[in-house]
Amino acid sequence: MPVARRLQQLIQPFTAALLLASAQPALAQRVVPKIGSICPLGYVDLFNGNCSTLGLMSYTLMPTDGEACLEGWMNVGGGYCRKK
């Protein structure tokens, strides 16, 4: 395996997590990075570090960062809040 390809595979999960943690809440997401040991409510573990709704629903999520969810958001587990 080329070194550049392997490096990209190693960096990709960290880049996704960094972007998710630093970004404002995004539009509806069908696939999100798995932050803890479980996926948020309504998401299925894909066993590749991601959680998915399998295309059935789209939710607007944001990471909790260990804090309580903002008003208008509810805790759905897995380190995420979902917009009500």
N, C-alpha and C. Protein backbone atom coordinates (compact mmCIF):
# COMPACT_ATOMS: atom_id res chain seq x y z
N MET A 1 0.85 -1.18 0.00
CA MET A 1 0.00 0.00 0.00
C MET A 1 0.90 1.23 0.00
N PRO A 2 0.65 2.17 -0.90
CA PRO A 2 1.47 3.38 -0.94
C PRO A 2 1.38 4.15 0.38
N VAL A 3 2.47 4.80 0.73
CA VAL A 3 2.55 5.54 1.99
C VAL A 3 1.51 6.65 2.04
N ALA A 4 1.30 7.37 0.94
CA ALA A 4 0.34 8.47 0.92
C ALA A 4 -1.08 7.97 1.19
N ARG A 5 -1.43 6.82 0.64
CA ARG A 5 -2.77 6.25 0.85
C ARG A 5 -2.96 5.84 2.31
N ARG A 6 -1.94 5.22 2.89
CA ARG A 6 -2.01 4.80 4.29
C ARG A 6 -2.10 6.02 5.21
N LEU A 7 -1.36 7.06 4.92
CA LEU A 7 -1.41 8.29 5.71
C LEU A 7 -2.79 8.91 5.64
N GLN A 8 -3.38 8.91 4.47
CA GLN A 8 -4.73 9.45 4.31
C GLN A 8 -5.73 8.66 5.15
N GLN A 9 -5.60 7.34 5.18
CA GLN A 9 -6.49 6.50 5.98
C GLN A 9 -6.34 6.78 7.47
N LEU A 10 -5.12 7.08 7.91
CA LEU A 10 -4.89 7.36 9.32
C LEU A 10 -5.41 8.73 9.72
N ILE A 11 -5.30 9.70 8.84
CA ILE A 11 -5.68 11.08 9.15
C ILE A 11 -7.18 11.32 9.01
N GLN A 12 -7.83 10.61 8.11
CA GLN A 12 -9.24 10.87 7.79
C GLN A 12 -10.17 10.87 9.02
N PRO A 13 -10.12 9.88 9.93
CA PRO A 13 -11.02 9.92 11.08
C PRO A 13 -10.79 11.12 11.99
N PHE A 14 -9.53 11.51 12.16
CA PHE A 14 -9.23 12.66 13.01
C PHE A 14 -9.70 13.96 12.37
N THR A 15 -9.57 14.07 11.07
CA THR A 15 -10.03 15.26 10.36
C THR A 15 -11.54 15.39 10.48
N ALA A 16 -12.25 14.29 10.28
CA ALA A 16 -13.72 14.32 10.39
C ALA A 16 -14.15 14.71 11.80
N ALA A 17 -13.52 14.13 12.81
CA ALA A 17 -13.87 14.45 14.19
C ALA A 17 -13.56 15.90 14.52
N LEU A 18 -12.44 16.40 14.06
CA LEU A 18 -12.07 17.79 14.31
C LEU A 18 -13.06 18.74 13.66
N LEU A 19 -13.42 18.47 12.43
CA LEU A 19 -14.38 19.33 11.74
C LEU A 19 -15.73 19.30 12.43
N LEU A 20 -16.16 18.13 12.85
CA LEU A 20 -17.44 18.01 13.51
C LEU A 20 -17.45 18.73 14.85
N ALA A 21 -16.37 18.60 15.60
CA ALA A 21 -16.29 19.22 16.91
C ALA A 21 -16.17 20.74 16.84
N SER A 22 -15.56 21.25 15.80
CA SER A 22 -15.34 22.69 15.73
C SER A 22 -16.41 23.42 14.92
N ALA A 23 -17.21 22.70 14.18
CA ALA A 23 -18.19 23.33 13.31
C ALA A 23 -19.48 23.63 14.06
N GLN A 24 -20.22 24.56 13.52
CA GLN A 24 -21.56 24.83 14.02
C GLN A 24 -22.46 23.67 13.60
N PRO A 25 -23.64 23.54 14.23
CA PRO A 25 -24.52 22.46 13.82
C PRO A 25 -24.75 22.47 12.31
N ALA A 26 -24.70 21.32 11.72
CA ALA A 26 -24.82 21.20 10.27
C ALA A 26 -26.25 20.89 9.89
N LEU A 27 -26.45 20.80 8.59
CA LEU A 27 -27.74 20.36 8.09
C LEU A 27 -27.93 18.90 8.45
N ALA A 28 -29.06 18.35 8.11
CA ALA A 28 -29.37 16.98 8.47
C ALA A 28 -28.26 16.03 8.03
N GLN A 29 -27.95 15.09 8.92
CA GLN A 29 -26.84 14.17 8.68
C GLN A 29 -27.34 12.73 8.74
N ARG A 30 -27.03 11.97 7.71
CA ARG A 30 -27.38 10.56 7.70
C ARG A 30 -26.26 9.69 8.25
N VAL A 31 -25.02 10.19 8.18
CA VAL A 31 -23.86 9.47 8.72
C VAL A 31 -23.08 10.44 9.58
N VAL A 32 -22.75 10.00 10.81
CA VAL A 32 -21.96 10.83 11.72
C VAL A 32 -20.83 9.98 12.30
N PRO A 33 -19.71 10.61 12.68
CA PRO A 33 -18.64 9.85 13.34
C PRO A 33 -19.11 9.33 14.69
N LYS A 34 -18.69 8.15 15.05
CA LYS A 34 -19.02 7.56 16.35
C LYS A 34 -18.09 8.18 17.38
N ILE A 35 -18.63 8.94 18.32
CA ILE A 35 -17.81 9.65 19.31
C ILE A 35 -17.47 8.75 20.49
N GLY A 36 -18.46 8.07 21.05
CA GLY A 36 -18.22 7.20 22.21
C GLY A 36 -18.33 5.74 21.81
N SER A 37 -18.85 4.95 22.74
CA SER A 37 -18.97 3.52 22.49
C SER A 37 -20.31 3.15 21.88
N ILE A 38 -21.25 4.11 21.85
CA ILE A 38 -22.57 3.83 21.27
C ILE A 38 -22.92 4.89 20.24
N CYS A 39 -23.86 4.58 19.40
CA CYS A 39 -24.35 5.54 18.39
C CYS A 39 -25.52 6.32 18.96
N PRO A 40 -25.80 7.51 18.43
CA PRO A 40 -26.96 8.27 18.87
C PRO A 40 -28.26 7.52 18.57
N LEU A 41 -29.32 7.86 19.28
CA LEU A 41 -30.64 7.28 19.07
C LEU A 41 -31.06 7.44 17.62
N GLY A 42 -31.50 6.36 16.99
CA GLY A 42 -31.93 6.40 15.60
C GLY A 42 -30.83 6.09 14.60
N TYR A 43 -29.61 5.86 15.09
CA TYR A 43 -28.46 5.56 14.23
C TYR A 43 -27.98 4.13 14.48
N VAL A 44 -27.44 3.51 13.47
CA VAL A 44 -26.94 2.14 13.53
C VAL A 44 -25.41 2.17 13.40
N ASP A 45 -24.73 1.37 14.22
CA ASP A 45 -23.27 1.28 14.17
C ASP A 45 -22.85 0.56 12.89
N LEU A 46 -22.00 1.22 12.08
CA LEU A 46 -21.52 0.63 10.84
C LEU A 46 -20.22 -0.15 11.05
N PHE A 47 -19.70 -0.17 12.28
CA PHE A 47 -18.47 -0.87 12.64
C PHE A 47 -17.26 -0.39 11.85
N ASN A 48 -17.28 0.88 11.42
CA ASN A 48 -16.12 1.48 10.76
C ASN A 48 -15.83 2.85 11.37
N GLY A 49 -16.35 3.09 12.58
CA GLY A 49 -16.16 4.38 13.23
C GLY A 49 -17.25 5.38 12.91
N ASN A 50 -18.27 4.95 12.17
CA ASN A 50 -19.39 5.83 11.81
C ASN A 50 -20.71 5.22 12.25
N CYS A 51 -21.71 6.08 12.35
CA CYS A 51 -23.07 5.66 12.65
C CYS A 51 -23.96 6.21 11.53
N SER A 52 -24.99 5.43 11.16
CA SER A 52 -25.82 5.82 10.02
C SER A 52 -27.29 5.57 10.32
N THR A 53 -28.15 6.36 9.68
CA THR A 53 -29.60 6.12 9.74
C THR A 53 -30.00 5.16 8.64
N LEU A 54 -29.05 4.69 7.86
CA LEU A 54 -29.27 3.79 6.72
C LEU A 54 -30.16 4.42 5.67
N GLY A 55 -30.15 5.75 5.61
CA GLY A 55 -30.89 6.48 4.59
C GLY A 55 -32.36 6.64 4.89
N LEU A 56 -32.82 6.16 6.05
CA LEU A 56 -34.24 6.22 6.36
C LEU A 56 -34.67 7.59 6.86
N MET A 57 -33.85 8.24 7.63
CA MET A 57 -34.17 9.54 8.21
C MET A 57 -32.94 10.44 8.13
N SER A 58 -33.16 11.72 8.30
CA SER A 58 -32.06 12.69 8.40
C SER A 58 -32.31 13.54 9.63
N TYR A 59 -31.33 13.62 10.49
CA TYR A 59 -31.43 14.42 11.71
C TYR A 59 -30.34 15.48 11.71
N THR A 60 -30.63 16.60 12.36
CA THR A 60 -29.62 17.63 12.56
C THR A 60 -29.01 17.38 13.93
N LEU A 61 -27.72 17.04 13.94
CA LEU A 61 -27.01 16.71 15.18
C LEU A 61 -25.85 17.65 15.40
N MET A 62 -25.47 17.78 16.67
CA MET A 62 -24.23 18.46 17.02
C MET A 62 -23.64 17.76 18.23
N PRO A 63 -22.32 17.73 18.33
CA PRO A 63 -21.68 17.06 19.47
C PRO A 63 -21.97 17.80 20.77
N THR A 64 -22.08 17.06 21.87
CA THR A 64 -22.36 17.68 23.16
C THR A 64 -21.12 18.28 23.81
N ASP A 65 -19.94 17.76 23.48
CA ASP A 65 -18.68 18.22 24.08
C ASP A 65 -18.74 18.17 25.60
N GLY A 66 -19.51 17.21 26.15
CA GLY A 66 -19.61 17.04 27.60
C GLY A 66 -20.51 18.04 28.28
N GLU A 67 -21.17 18.90 27.52
CA GLU A 67 -22.07 19.92 28.07
C GLU A 67 -23.52 19.50 27.88
N ALA A 68 -24.42 20.18 28.58
CA ALA A 68 -25.85 19.95 28.38
C ALA A 68 -26.25 20.48 27.01
N CYS A 69 -27.30 19.90 26.44
CA CYS A 69 -27.78 20.36 25.14
C CYS A 69 -28.40 21.74 25.26
N LEU A 70 -28.29 22.51 24.21
CA LEU A 70 -28.88 23.84 24.17
C LEU A 70 -30.40 23.76 24.14
N GLU A 71 -31.05 24.87 24.44
CA GLU A 71 -32.51 24.91 24.37
C GLU A 71 -32.95 24.62 22.93
N GLY A 72 -33.95 23.79 22.79
CA GLY A 72 -34.42 23.41 21.46
C GLY A 72 -33.72 22.18 20.92
N TRP A 73 -32.81 21.60 21.70
CA TRP A 73 -32.08 20.39 21.32
C TRP A 73 -32.30 19.34 22.39
N MET A 74 -32.25 18.06 22.02
CA MET A 74 -32.40 16.99 23.00
C MET A 74 -31.22 16.02 22.90
N ASN A 75 -30.84 15.47 24.06
CA ASN A 75 -29.72 14.54 24.11
C ASN A 75 -30.19 13.19 23.56
N VAL A 76 -29.49 12.69 22.55
CA VAL A 76 -29.83 11.41 21.94
C VAL A 76 -28.75 10.37 22.18
N GLY A 77 -27.85 10.65 23.11
CA GLY A 77 -26.79 9.70 23.44
C GLY A 77 -25.68 9.70 22.41
N GLY A 78 -24.67 8.91 22.68
CA GLY A 78 -23.54 8.81 21.77
C GLY A 78 -22.74 10.09 21.65
N GLY A 79 -22.93 11.03 22.59
CA GLY A 79 -22.18 12.29 22.55
C GLY A 79 -22.80 13.34 21.65
N TYR A 80 -24.09 13.19 21.30
CA TYR A 80 -24.75 14.11 20.38
C TYR A 80 -26.05 14.68 20.94
N CYS A 81 -26.41 15.86 20.45
CA CYS A 81 -27.73 16.47 20.67
C CYS A 81 -28.42 16.55 19.32
N ARG A 82 -29.74 16.35 19.33
CA ARG A 82 -30.52 16.43 18.09
C ARG A 82 -31.52 17.57 18.20
N LYS A 83 -31.66 18.32 17.11
CA LYS A 83 -32.59 19.43 17.07
C LYS A 83 -34.03 18.90 17.18
N LYS A 84 -34.81 19.52 18.06
CA LYS A 84 -36.21 19.08 18.25
C LYS A 84 -37.06 19.45 17.07
